[in-house]
Amino acid sequence: MNRQSLTRIARAYSLLELPAWGQLLNWAGAFDDELWRNAPRKRIRGKWHGYLMSLDLRNWSERQTYLLGRFYDLPTQLLIRHALKQGQHFADIGANIGMITLLAAKQVGATGCVEAFEPNPVAFGHLCHAVQANDLHGRVRLHSVALSEAPGRLILSVVTDHTGMGTLADIPEQQLAFISSRHEVEVITGDSLMLQRPRLDGVKVDVEGFECHVFAGLAETLRRDHPWIVAEVVPEHLERAGKSEQQLFSQMLALGYEAFALRTQRRWLTHRLRLVPVDPRSLKHGQDVLFMMPGDPTRKRLQEFIS
């Protein structure tokens, strides 16, 4: 049996996310970048949102999206499916090529709105294409800017050739060789835009260590609206931006937020969201964290997942 046949079998099984799908994909060579270096782009519809996605199979994350029929980041997507409702207002900060933007657009529907921020011009081009291909201009607003605590212009460094690895932080000397491109980008504060918008209900932030700076420039919006926030918290990334996980948690706790680690567990043939109260001292590397206000109605909807 050739590799193409193995991949077809593995993909059919993995689309259903049956037990041990990861092992099957590994056996079929799905995670071996060398085997996919000449692979073409594929256009599929996402199984959770139904929108068209043009995927570069040479890229590990886009390849997983093709094989699973959904973006690979499961906990964040489960959260969005449970927390984000029709007619709501959502911000995707660090939208990359639009995987979370598309799911959020499905959730908010025609009466809602998604604000998608992406400063990397290469990723922003793919994001624009995804929005255009699915005729989502009415519910997705595109912003080719970065967010921080002050307006200006900064250098975005893309570490490796993955578009999702762009950061405004200083790159340590030992990682300089991994930078594939640099871009001078426009920077604004989130408040300068969002305070002119209706109430913000939810936020996703993935900015490779610049989270504290983003929240500082969004503080008035957070005080006004108290949206729930999901953010990637990686200590090493925060440190290269001159911050720490303790500073990030202190920043959010000062605004009145509580923190929960995003996890999943399999229940029979389905994956279920788990929200675990966070002790910052025992935070896992690269943990996605949900920040919620105690009185947020969303918390009541998510109560069954809190352990």
C-alpha atoms as a PDB file:
ATOM      1  CA  MET A   1       0.000   0.000   0.000  1.00  0.00           C
ATOM      2  CA  ASN A   2       1.482   3.390  -0.991  1.00  0.00           C
ATOM      3  CA  ARG A   3       1.594   6.505   1.180  1.00  0.00           C
ATOM      4  CA  GLN A   4      -1.348   8.177  -0.580  1.00  0.00           C
ATOM      5  CA  SER A   5      -3.559   5.186   0.225  1.00  0.00           C
ATOM      6  CA  LEU A   6      -2.369   5.115   3.827  1.00  0.00           C
ATOM      7  CA  THR A   7      -3.093   8.811   4.161  1.00  0.00           C
ATOM      8  CA  ARG A   8      -6.615   8.448   2.759  1.00  0.00           C
ATOM      9  CA  ILE A   9      -7.380   5.658   5.236  1.00  0.00           C
ATOM     10  CA  ALA A  10      -5.833   7.564   8.141  1.00  0.00           C
ATOM     11  CA  ARG A  11      -7.707  10.760   7.226  1.00  0.00           C
ATOM     12  CA  ALA A  12     -11.073   8.979   6.966  1.00  0.00           C
ATOM     13  CA  TYR A  13     -10.533   7.555  10.459  1.00  0.00           C
ATOM     14  CA  SER A  14      -9.199  10.796  11.917  1.00  0.00           C
ATOM     15  CA  LEU A  15     -12.087  12.892  10.600  1.00  0.00           C
ATOM     16  CA  LEU A  16     -14.267  10.901  12.999  1.00  0.00           C
ATOM     17  CA  GLU A  17     -11.696  11.438  15.779  1.00  0.00           C
ATOM     18  CA  LEU A  18     -12.001   7.842  16.884  1.00  0.00           C
ATOM     19  CA  PRO A  19      -9.683   6.503  19.614  1.00  0.00           C
ATOM     20  CA  ALA A  20      -5.982   6.350  18.668  1.00  0.00           C
ATOM     21  CA  TRP A  21      -6.390   8.573  15.590  1.00  0.00           C
ATOM     22  CA  GLY A  22      -3.093  10.272  16.462  1.00  0.00           C
ATOM     23  CA  GLN A  23      -1.189   6.988  16.432  1.00  0.00           C
ATOM     24  CA  LEU A  24      -2.731   6.083  13.087  1.00  0.00           C
ATOM     25  CA  LEU A  25      -1.714   9.425  11.560  1.00  0.00           C
ATOM     26  CA  ASN A  26       1.794   8.977  12.918  1.00  0.00           C
ATOM     27  CA  TRP A  27       2.012   5.486  11.414  1.00  0.00           C
ATOM     28  CA  ALA A  28       0.864   6.880   8.060  1.00  0.00           C
ATOM     29  CA  GLY A  29       3.619   9.521   8.138  1.00  0.00           C
ATOM     30  CA  ALA A  30       1.316  12.505   8.668  1.00  0.00           C
ATOM     31  CA  PHE A  31       3.731  14.188  11.076  1.00  0.00           C
ATOM     32  CA  ASP A  32       6.865  13.690   8.980  1.00  0.00           C
ATOM     33  CA  ASP A  33       7.474  17.092   7.331  1.00  0.00           C
ATOM     34  CA  GLU A  34       9.976  15.630   4.884  1.00  0.00           C
ATOM     35  CA  LEU A  35       7.322  13.379   3.368  1.00  0.00           C
ATOM     36  CA  TRP A  36       5.107  16.413   2.694  1.00  0.00           C
ATOM     37  CA  ARG A  37       7.640  18.944   1.403  1.00  0.00           C
ATOM     38  CA  ASN A  38       6.197  18.834  -2.148  1.00  0.00           C
ATOM     39  CA  ALA A  39       2.571  18.441  -1.137  1.00  0.00           C
ATOM     40  CA  PRO A  40      -0.026  20.651  -2.878  1.00  0.00           C
ATOM     41  CA  ARG A  41      -2.548  22.957  -1.288  1.00  0.00           C
ATOM     42  CA  LYS A  42      -5.910  21.406  -0.493  1.00  0.00           C
ATOM     43  CA  ARG A  43      -9.273  23.127  -0.267  1.00  0.00           C
ATOM     44  CA  ILE A  44     -11.754  21.615   2.162  1.00  0.00           C
ATOM     45  CA  ARG A  45     -14.745  22.654   4.244  1.00  0.00           C
ATOM     46  CA  GLY A  46     -14.331  22.683   7.997  1.00  0.00           C
ATOM     47  CA  LYS A  47     -16.469  20.034   9.667  1.00  0.00           C
ATOM     48  CA  TRP A  48     -17.415  22.366  12.552  1.00  0.00           C
ATOM     49  CA  HIS A  49     -18.106  25.599  10.682  1.00  0.00           C
ATOM     50  CA  GLY A  50     -18.661  24.516   7.072  1.00  0.00           C
ATOM     51  CA  TYR A  51     -16.451  27.240   5.596  1.00  0.00           C
ATOM     52  CA  LEU A  52     -13.870  26.739   2.870  1.00  0.00           C
ATOM     53  CA  MET A  53     -10.245  26.499   3.978  1.00  0.00           C
ATOM     54  CA  SER A  54      -7.266  26.582   1.606  1.00  0.00           C
ATOM     55  CA  LEU A  55      -4.529  24.610   3.355  1.00  0.00           C
ATOM     56  CA  ASP A  56      -0.805  24.277   2.663  1.00  0.00           C
ATOM     57  CA  LEU A  57      -0.041  20.637   3.445  1.00  0.00           C
ATOM     58  CA  ARG A  58       3.673  21.399   3.790  1.00  0.00           C
ATOM     59  CA  ASN A  59       2.812  23.267   6.987  1.00  0.00           C
ATOM     60  CA  TRP A  60       2.373  20.996  10.007  1.00  0.00           C
ATOM     61  CA  SER A  61      -0.620  22.812  11.532  1.00  0.00           C
ATOM     62  CA  GLU A  62      -2.472  23.246   8.239  1.00  0.00           C
ATOM     63  CA  ARG A  63      -1.790  19.588   7.436  1.00  0.00           C
ATOM     64  CA  GLN A  64      -3.362  18.548  10.743  1.00  0.00           C
ATOM     65  CA  THR A  65      -6.351  20.748   9.945  1.00  0.00           C
ATOM     66  CA  TYR A  66      -6.721  18.941   6.623  1.00  0.00           C
ATOM     67  CA  LEU A  67      -6.500  15.506   8.243  1.00  0.00           C
ATOM     68  CA  LEU A  68      -8.893  16.328  11.106  1.00  0.00           C
ATOM     69  CA  GLY A  69     -11.275  18.583   9.244  1.00  0.00           C
ATOM     70  CA  ARG A  70     -10.823  21.209  11.960  1.00  0.00           C
ATOM     71  CA  PHE A  71      -8.072  23.369  13.410  1.00  0.00           C
ATOM     72  CA  TYR A  72      -5.808  21.260  15.603  1.00  0.00           C
ATOM     73  CA  ASP A  73      -6.194  23.393  18.789  1.00  0.00           C
ATOM     74  CA  LEU A  74      -9.054  21.458  20.391  1.00  0.00           C
ATOM     75  CA  PRO A  75      -9.527  23.084  23.856  1.00  0.00           C
ATOM     76  CA  THR A  76      -9.847  26.628  22.510  1.00  0.00           C
ATOM     77  CA  GLN A  77     -12.303  25.521  19.837  1.00  0.00           C
ATOM     78  CA  LEU A  78     -14.468  23.614  22.311  1.00  0.00           C
ATOM     79  CA  LEU A  79     -14.535  26.709  24.500  1.00  0.00           C
ATOM     80  CA  ILE A  80     -15.606  28.940  21.608  1.00  0.00           C
ATOM     81  CA  ARG A  81     -18.325  26.498  20.585  1.00  0.00           C
ATOM     82  CA  HIS A  82     -19.778  26.546  24.101  1.00  0.00           C
ATOM     83  CA  ALA A  83     -19.137  30.168  25.067  1.00  0.00           C
ATOM     84  CA  LEU A  84     -19.699  32.248  21.933  1.00  0.00           C
ATOM     85  CA  LYS A  85     -23.299  32.822  20.879  1.00  0.00           C
ATOM     86  CA  GLN A  86     -25.292  34.288  17.990  1.00  0.00           C
ATOM     87  CA  GLY A  87     -25.176  38.064  17.786  1.00  0.00           C
ATOM     88  CA  GLN A  88     -22.115  38.451  20.013  1.00  0.00           C
ATOM     89  CA  HIS A  89     -18.936  40.486  19.475  1.00  0.00           C
ATOM     90  CA  PHE A  90     -15.583  38.655  19.476  1.00  0.00           C
ATOM     91  CA  ALA A  91     -11.947  39.716  18.993  1.00  0.00           C
ATOM     92  CA  ASP A  92      -9.340  37.342  17.541  1.00  0.00           C
ATOM     93  CA  ILE A  93      -5.993  38.960  18.427  1.00  0.00           C
ATOM     94  CA  GLY A  94      -3.212  37.189  16.555  1.00  0.00           C
ATOM     95  CA  ALA A  95      -5.601  35.703  14.006  1.00  0.00           C
ATOM     96  CA  ASN A  96      -2.864  34.197  11.781  1.00  0.00           C
ATOM     97  CA  ILE A  97      -4.564  32.657   8.708  1.00  0.00           C
ATOM     98  CA  GLY A  98      -8.018  32.665  10.297  1.00  0.00           C
ATOM     99  CA  MET A  99      -8.665  29.229  11.766  1.00  0.00           C
ATOM    100  CA  ILE A 100     -10.259  30.613  14.958  1.00  0.00           C
ATOM    101  CA  THR A 101     -11.783  33.551  13.087  1.00  0.00           C
ATOM    102  CA  LEU A 102     -13.784  31.168  10.882  1.00  0.00           C
ATOM    103  CA  LEU A 103     -15.161  29.201  13.829  1.00  0.00           C
ATOM    104  CA  ALA A 104     -16.005  32.403  15.693  1.00  0.00           C
ATOM    105  CA  ALA A 105     -17.768  33.781  12.596  1.00  0.00           C
ATOM    106  CA  LYS A 106     -19.928  30.651  12.506  1.00  0.00           C
ATOM    107  CA  GLN A 107     -20.794  31.032  16.185  1.00  0.00           C
ATOM    108  CA  VAL A 108     -21.750  34.722  16.120  1.00  0.00           C
ATOM    109  CA  GLY A 109     -23.808  34.339  12.962  1.00  0.00           C
ATOM    110  CA  ALA A 110     -25.000  37.063  10.615  1.00  0.00           C
ATOM    111  CA  THR A 111     -25.992  39.357  13.491  1.00  0.00           C
ATOM    112  CA  GLY A 112     -22.640  39.155  15.291  1.00  0.00           C
ATOM    113  CA  CYS A 113     -19.159  40.424  14.540  1.00  0.00           C
ATOM    114  CA  VAL A 114     -15.582  39.147  14.696  1.00  0.00           C
ATOM    115  CA  GLU A 115     -12.672  41.614  14.856  1.00  0.00           C
ATOM    116  CA  ALA A 116      -9.589  39.837  13.449  1.00  0.00           C
ATOM    117  CA  PHE A 117      -6.151  41.371  14.135  1.00  0.00           C
ATOM    118  CA  GLU A 118      -3.081  40.086  12.273  1.00  0.00           C
ATOM    119  CA  PRO A 119       0.062  42.179  11.600  1.00  0.00           C
ATOM    120  CA  ASN A 120       2.038  39.574   9.612  1.00  0.00           C
ATOM    121  CA  PRO A 121       1.390  40.574   5.959  1.00  0.00           C
ATOM    122  CA  VAL A 122       1.780  36.992   4.712  1.00  0.00           C
ATOM    123  CA  ALA A 123      -0.689  35.575   7.243  1.00  0.00           C
ATOM    124  CA  PHE A 124      -2.999  38.549   6.732  1.00  0.00           C
ATOM    125  CA  GLY A 125      -3.165  37.772   3.008  1.00  0.00           C
ATOM    126  CA  HIS A 126      -4.360  34.229   3.760  1.00  0.00           C
ATOM    127  CA  LEU A 127      -6.803  35.586   6.350  1.00  0.00           C
ATOM    128  CA  CYS A 128      -8.290  37.982   3.788  1.00  0.00           C
ATOM    129  CA  HIS A 129      -8.609  35.146   1.282  1.00  0.00           C
ATOM    130  CA  ALA A 130     -10.465  32.980   3.820  1.00  0.00           C
ATOM    131  CA  VAL A 131     -12.906  35.790   4.594  1.00  0.00           C
ATOM    132  CA  GLN A 132     -13.453  36.566   0.914  1.00  0.00           C
ATOM    133  CA  ALA A 133     -13.848  32.914  -0.133  1.00  0.00           C
ATOM    134  CA  ASN A 134     -16.621  32.469   2.428  1.00  0.00           C
ATOM    135  CA  ASP A 135     -18.290  35.868   1.854  1.00  0.00           C
ATOM    136  CA  LEU A 136     -17.806  36.857   5.509  1.00  0.00           C
ATOM    137  CA  HIS A 137     -17.078  40.566   5.085  1.00  0.00           C
ATOM    138  CA  GLY A 138     -20.404  41.355   6.718  1.00  0.00           C
ATOM    139  CA  ARG A 139     -19.468  39.675   9.982  1.00  0.00           C
ATOM    140  CA  VAL A 140     -15.625  39.775  10.055  1.00  0.00           C
ATOM    141  CA  ARG A 141     -13.700  43.041  10.298  1.00  0.00           C
ATOM    142  CA  LEU A 142     -10.048  42.706   9.266  1.00  0.00           C
ATOM    143  CA  HIS A 143      -7.249  44.720  10.886  1.00  0.00           C
ATOM    144  CA  SER A 144      -3.665  44.437   9.583  1.00  0.00           C
ATOM    145  CA  VAL A 145      -2.200  45.847  12.813  1.00  0.00           C
ATOM    146  CA  ALA A 146      -0.661  44.623  16.056  1.00  0.00           C
ATOM    147  CA  LEU A 147      -1.927  45.580  19.518  1.00  0.00           C
ATOM    148  CA  SER A 148       0.147  46.914  22.400  1.00  0.00           C
ATOM    149  CA  GLU A 149      -0.004  49.498  25.197  1.00  0.00           C
ATOM    150  CA  ALA A 150       1.056  52.399  22.937  1.00  0.00           C
ATOM    151  CA  PRO A 151       0.656  53.237  19.234  1.00  0.00           C
ATOM    152  CA  GLY A 152       3.638  53.309  16.898  1.00  0.00           C
ATOM    153  CA  ARG A 153       5.600  50.993  14.646  1.00  0.00           C
ATOM    154  CA  LEU A 154       7.503  47.892  15.745  1.00  0.00           C
ATOM    155  CA  ILE A 155       9.392  45.009  14.142  1.00  0.00           C
ATOM    156  CA  LEU A 156       7.552  41.704  13.907  1.00  0.00           C
ATOM    157  CA  SER A 157       9.957  38.753  13.825  1.00  0.00           C
ATOM    158  CA  VAL A 158       8.692  35.433  12.467  1.00  0.00           C
ATOM    159  CA  VAL A 159      10.536  32.582  14.190  1.00  0.00           C
ATOM    160  CA  THR A 160      10.785  29.553  11.841  1.00  0.00           C
ATOM    161  CA  ASP A 161       8.738  29.708   8.644  1.00  0.00           C
ATOM    162  CA  HIS A 162       5.417  29.206  10.430  1.00  0.00           C
ATOM    163  CA  THR A 163       3.232  32.314  10.120  1.00  0.00           C
ATOM    164  CA  GLY A 164       1.826  31.761  13.609  1.00  0.00           C
ATOM    165  CA  MET A 165       5.239  32.283  15.228  1.00  0.00           C
ATOM    166  CA  GLY A 166       5.436  36.056  14.744  1.00  0.00           C
ATOM    167  CA  THR A 167       6.316  38.171  17.782  1.00  0.00           C
ATOM    168  CA  LEU A 168       7.027  41.803  18.616  1.00  0.00           C
ATOM    169  CA  ALA A 169       9.303  40.711  21.461  1.00  0.00           C
ATOM    170  CA  ASP A 170      13.094  40.749  21.294  1.00  0.00           C
ATOM    171  CA  ILE A 171      14.469  37.434  20.065  1.00  0.00           C
ATOM    172  CA  PRO A 172      17.238  35.867  22.191  1.00  0.00           C
ATOM    173  CA  GLU A 173      20.582  35.594  20.459  1.00  0.00           C
ATOM    174  CA  GLN A 174      20.448  31.788  20.389  1.00  0.00           C
ATOM    175  CA  GLN A 175      17.191  31.941  18.386  1.00  0.00           C
ATOM    176  CA  LEU A 176      18.183  34.595  15.862  1.00  0.00           C
ATOM    177  CA  ALA A 177      19.155  31.976  13.294  1.00  0.00           C
ATOM    178  CA  PHE A 178      15.557  30.697  13.281  1.00  0.00           C
ATOM    179  CA  ILE A 179      14.043  34.008  12.158  1.00  0.00           C
ATOM    180  CA  SER A 180      12.632  33.549   8.651  1.00  0.00           C
ATOM    181  CA  SER A 181      11.391  37.111   8.083  1.00  0.00           C
ATOM    182  CA  ARG A 182      10.973  40.512   9.710  1.00  0.00           C
ATOM    183  CA  HIS A 183       8.267  43.079   9.049  1.00  0.00           C
ATOM    184  CA  GLU A 184       7.829  46.639  10.273  1.00  0.00           C
ATOM    185  CA  VAL A 185       4.188  46.783  11.370  1.00  0.00           C
ATOM    186  CA  GLU A 186       1.702  49.328  12.620  1.00  0.00           C
ATOM    187  CA  VAL A 187       0.785  49.078  16.299  1.00  0.00           C
ATOM    188  CA  ILE A 188      -2.332  50.495  17.971  1.00  0.00           C
ATOM    189  CA  THR A 189      -3.939  50.131  21.370  1.00  0.00           C
ATOM    190  CA  GLY A 190      -6.973  47.904  21.525  1.00  0.00           C
ATOM    191  CA  ASP A 191      -8.864  50.596  23.420  1.00  0.00           C
ATOM    192  CA  SER A 192      -8.448  53.097  20.570  1.00  0.00           C
ATOM    193  CA  LEU A 193     -10.646  50.858  18.422  1.00  0.00           C
ATOM    194  CA  MET A 194     -12.758  48.742  20.742  1.00  0.00           C
ATOM    195  CA  LEU A 195     -14.094  51.604  22.867  1.00  0.00           C
ATOM    196  CA  GLN A 196     -15.804  52.817  19.697  1.00  0.00           C
ATOM    197  CA  ARG A 197     -17.444  49.423  19.196  1.00  0.00           C
ATOM    198  CA  PRO A 198     -20.389  47.723  20.941  1.00  0.00           C
ATOM    199  CA  ARG A 199     -19.816  45.555  23.995  1.00  0.00           C
ATOM    200  CA  LEU A 200     -17.076  42.959  23.557  1.00  0.00           C
ATOM    201  CA  ASP A 201     -18.185  39.480  24.661  1.00  0.00           C
ATOM    202  CA  GLY A 202     -15.110  37.306  24.091  1.00  0.00           C
ATOM    203  CA  VAL A 203     -11.430  37.533  23.180  1.00  0.00           C
ATOM    204  CA  LYS A 204      -8.771  35.116  21.960  1.00  0.00           C
ATOM    205  CA  VAL A 205      -5.153  36.261  22.314  1.00  0.00           C
ATOM    206  CA  ASP A 206      -2.177  34.412  20.829  1.00  0.00           C
ATOM    207  CA  VAL A 207       0.687  36.871  20.357  1.00  0.00           C
ATOM    208  CA  GLU A 208       3.750  34.806  21.257  1.00  0.00           C
ATOM    209  CA  GLY A 209       4.587  36.462  24.585  1.00  0.00           C
ATOM    210  CA  PHE A 210       3.215  39.971  24.022  1.00  0.00           C
ATOM    211  CA  GLU A 211       0.024  39.277  25.980  1.00  0.00           C
ATOM    212  CA  CYS A 212       0.760  41.672  28.874  1.00  0.00           C
ATOM    213  CA  HIS A 213       1.310  44.513  26.423  1.00  0.00           C
ATOM    214  CA  VAL A 214      -1.926  43.721  24.583  1.00  0.00           C
ATOM    215  CA  PHE A 215      -3.956  43.670  27.805  1.00  0.00           C
ATOM    216  CA  ALA A 216      -2.402  46.939  28.991  1.00  0.00           C
ATOM    217  CA  GLY A 217      -3.622  48.641  25.810  1.00  0.00           C
ATOM    218  CA  LEU A 218      -7.035  47.003  26.122  1.00  0.00           C
ATOM    219  CA  ALA A 219      -7.547  47.700  29.836  1.00  0.00           C
ATOM    220  CA  GLU A 220     -10.372  50.236  29.524  1.00  0.00           C
ATOM    221  CA  THR A 221     -12.322  47.913  27.236  1.00  0.00           C
ATOM    222  CA  LEU A 222     -11.839  45.057  29.698  1.00  0.00           C
ATOM    223  CA  ARG A 223     -13.064  47.260  32.557  1.00  0.00           C
ATOM    224  CA  ARG A 224     -16.076  48.379  30.536  1.00  0.00           C
ATOM    225  CA  ASP A 225     -17.138  45.051  29.029  1.00  0.00           C
ATOM    226  CA  HIS A 226     -15.604  42.259  31.173  1.00  0.00           C
ATOM    227  CA  PRO A 227     -15.329  39.832  28.222  1.00  0.00           C
ATOM    228  CA  TRP A 228     -14.110  36.309  28.768  1.00  0.00           C
ATOM    229  CA  ILE A 229     -10.558  35.863  27.424  1.00  0.00           C
ATOM    230  CA  VAL A 230      -8.626  32.828  26.275  1.00  0.00           C
ATOM    231  CA  ALA A 231      -4.866  33.290  25.989  1.00  0.00           C
ATOM    232  CA  GLU A 232      -1.830  31.136  25.384  1.00  0.00           C
ATOM    233  CA  VAL A 233       0.507  31.448  28.371  1.00  0.00           C
ATOM    234  CA  VAL A 234       4.097  30.363  27.670  1.00  0.00           C
ATOM    235  CA  PRO A 235       6.643  31.516  30.301  1.00  0.00           C
ATOM    236  CA  GLU A 236       9.595  31.622  27.867  1.00  0.00           C
ATOM    237  CA  HIS A 237       7.645  33.742  25.396  1.00  0.00           C
ATOM    238  CA  LEU A 238       6.563  36.170  28.098  1.00  0.00           C
ATOM    239  CA  GLU A 239      10.140  36.483  29.334  1.00  0.00           C
ATOM    240  CA  ARG A 240      11.492  37.525  25.945  1.00  0.00           C
ATOM    241  CA  ALA A 241       8.900  40.326  25.977  1.00  0.00           C
ATOM    242  CA  GLY A 242      10.185  41.470  29.386  1.00  0.00           C
ATOM    243  CA  LYS A 243       7.262  39.989  31.343  1.00  0.00           C
ATOM    244  CA  SER A 244       6.448  36.884  33.377  1.00  0.00           C
ATOM    245  CA  GLU A 245       3.472  34.629  33.957  1.00  0.00           C
ATOM    246  CA  GLN A 246       3.183  36.067  37.485  1.00  0.00           C
ATOM    247  CA  GLN A 247       2.872  39.561  36.018  1.00  0.00           C
ATOM    248  CA  LEU A 248       0.254  38.392  33.540  1.00  0.00           C
ATOM    249  CA  PHE A 249      -1.868  36.767  36.232  1.00  0.00           C
ATOM    250  CA  SER A 250      -1.468  39.755  38.555  1.00  0.00           C
ATOM    251  CA  GLN A 251      -2.575  42.022  35.714  1.00  0.00           C
ATOM    252  CA  MET A 252      -5.735  40.000  35.121  1.00  0.00           C
ATOM    253  CA  LEU A 253      -6.527  39.399  38.792  1.00  0.00           C
ATOM    254  CA  ALA A 254      -6.311  43.158  39.388  1.00  0.00           C
ATOM    255  CA  LEU A 255      -9.108  43.560  36.842  1.00  0.00           C
ATOM    256  CA  GLY A 256     -11.216  41.042  38.769  1.00  0.00           C
ATOM    257  CA  TYR A 257     -10.715  37.999  36.566  1.00  0.00           C
ATOM    258  CA  GLU A 258     -10.447  34.379  37.642  1.00  0.00           C
ATOM    259  CA  ALA A 259      -8.255  31.943  35.708  1.00  0.00           C
ATOM    260  CA  PHE A 260      -8.951  28.427  34.439  1.00  0.00           C
ATOM    261  CA  ALA A 261      -6.663  26.090  32.518  1.00  0.00           C
ATOM    262  CA  LEU A 262      -8.237  24.703  29.338  1.00  0.00           C
ATOM    263  CA  ARG A 263      -8.094  20.939  29.064  1.00  0.00           C
ATOM    264  CA  THR A 264     -10.072  18.155  27.425  1.00  0.00           C
ATOM    265  CA  GLN A 265     -11.065  14.619  28.267  1.00  0.00           C
ATOM    266  CA  ARG A 266     -12.513  11.909  26.096  1.00  0.00           C
ATOM    267  CA  ARG A 267     -15.958  10.668  26.986  1.00  0.00           C
ATOM    268  CA  TRP A 268     -16.725   7.615  24.884  1.00  0.00           C
ATOM    269  CA  LEU A 269     -16.328   8.809  21.282  1.00  0.00           C
ATOM    270  CA  THR A 270     -16.355  12.546  21.964  1.00  0.00           C
ATOM    271  CA  HIS A 271     -14.009  15.072  23.522  1.00  0.00           C
ATOM    272  CA  ARG A 272     -15.289  17.151  26.415  1.00  0.00           C
ATOM    273  CA  LEU A 273     -14.029  20.506  27.654  1.00  0.00           C
ATOM    274  CA  ARG A 274     -12.528  20.753  31.149  1.00  0.00           C
ATOM    275  CA  LEU A 275     -11.840  24.004  32.988  1.00  0.00           C
ATOM    276  CA  VAL A 276      -9.463  23.686  35.930  1.00  0.00           C
ATOM    277  CA  PRO A 277      -8.858  26.597  38.353  1.00  0.00           C
ATOM    278  CA  VAL A 278      -5.280  27.760  37.817  1.00  0.00           C
ATOM    279  CA  ASP A 279      -2.502  27.891  40.353  1.00  0.00           C
ATOM    280  CA  PRO A 280       0.099  30.023  38.502  1.00  0.00           C
ATOM    281  CA  ARG A 281       2.875  28.210  40.374  1.00  0.00           C
ATOM    282  CA  SER A 282       1.969  24.912  38.692  1.00  0.00           C
ATOM    283  CA  LEU A 283       1.108  26.174  35.230  1.00  0.00           C
ATOM    284  CA  LYS A 284       2.027  23.783  32.439  1.00  0.00           C
ATOM    285  CA  HIS A 285       4.281  24.897  29.618  1.00  0.00           C
ATOM    286  CA  GLY A 286       2.239  26.388  26.815  1.00  0.00           C
ATOM    287  CA  GLN A 287      -1.063  26.161  28.673  1.00  0.00           C
ATOM    288  CA  ASP A 288      -4.152  27.859  27.264  1.00  0.00           C
ATOM    289  CA  VAL A 289      -5.874  29.823  30.017  1.00  0.00           C
ATOM    290  CA  LEU A 290      -9.423  31.152  30.240  1.00  0.00           C
ATOM    291  CA  PHE A 291      -9.983  34.360  32.202  1.00  0.00           C
ATOM    292  CA  MET A 292     -13.569  34.992  33.330  1.00  0.00           C
ATOM    293  CA  MET A 293     -15.304  37.419  35.646  1.00  0.00           C
ATOM    294  CA  PRO A 294     -17.178  35.733  38.537  1.00  0.00           C
ATOM    295  CA  GLY A 295     -20.537  37.219  37.508  1.00  0.00           C
ATOM    296  CA  ASP A 296     -20.205  36.643  33.768  1.00  0.00           C
ATOM    297  CA  PRO A 297     -23.316  34.865  32.369  1.00  0.00           C
ATOM    298  CA  THR A 298     -20.906  32.832  30.227  1.00  0.00           C
ATOM    299  CA  ARG A 299     -19.540  31.297  33.411  1.00  0.00           C
ATOM    300  CA  LYS A 300     -22.973  29.933  34.236  1.00  0.00           C
ATOM    301  CA  ARG A 301     -23.108  28.272  30.817  1.00  0.00           C
ATOM    302  CA  LEU A 302     -19.660  26.788  31.371  1.00  0.00           C
ATOM    303  CA  GLN A 303     -20.244  25.696  34.975  1.00  0.00           C
ATOM    304  CA  GLU A 304     -20.686  22.043  34.035  1.00  0.00           C
ATOM    305  CA  PHE A 305     -17.119  21.985  32.662  1.00  0.00           C
ATOM    306  CA  ILE A 306     -15.440  23.494  35.737  1.00  0.00           C
ATOM    307  CA  SER A 307     -13.688  20.913  37.876  1.00  0.00           C
END
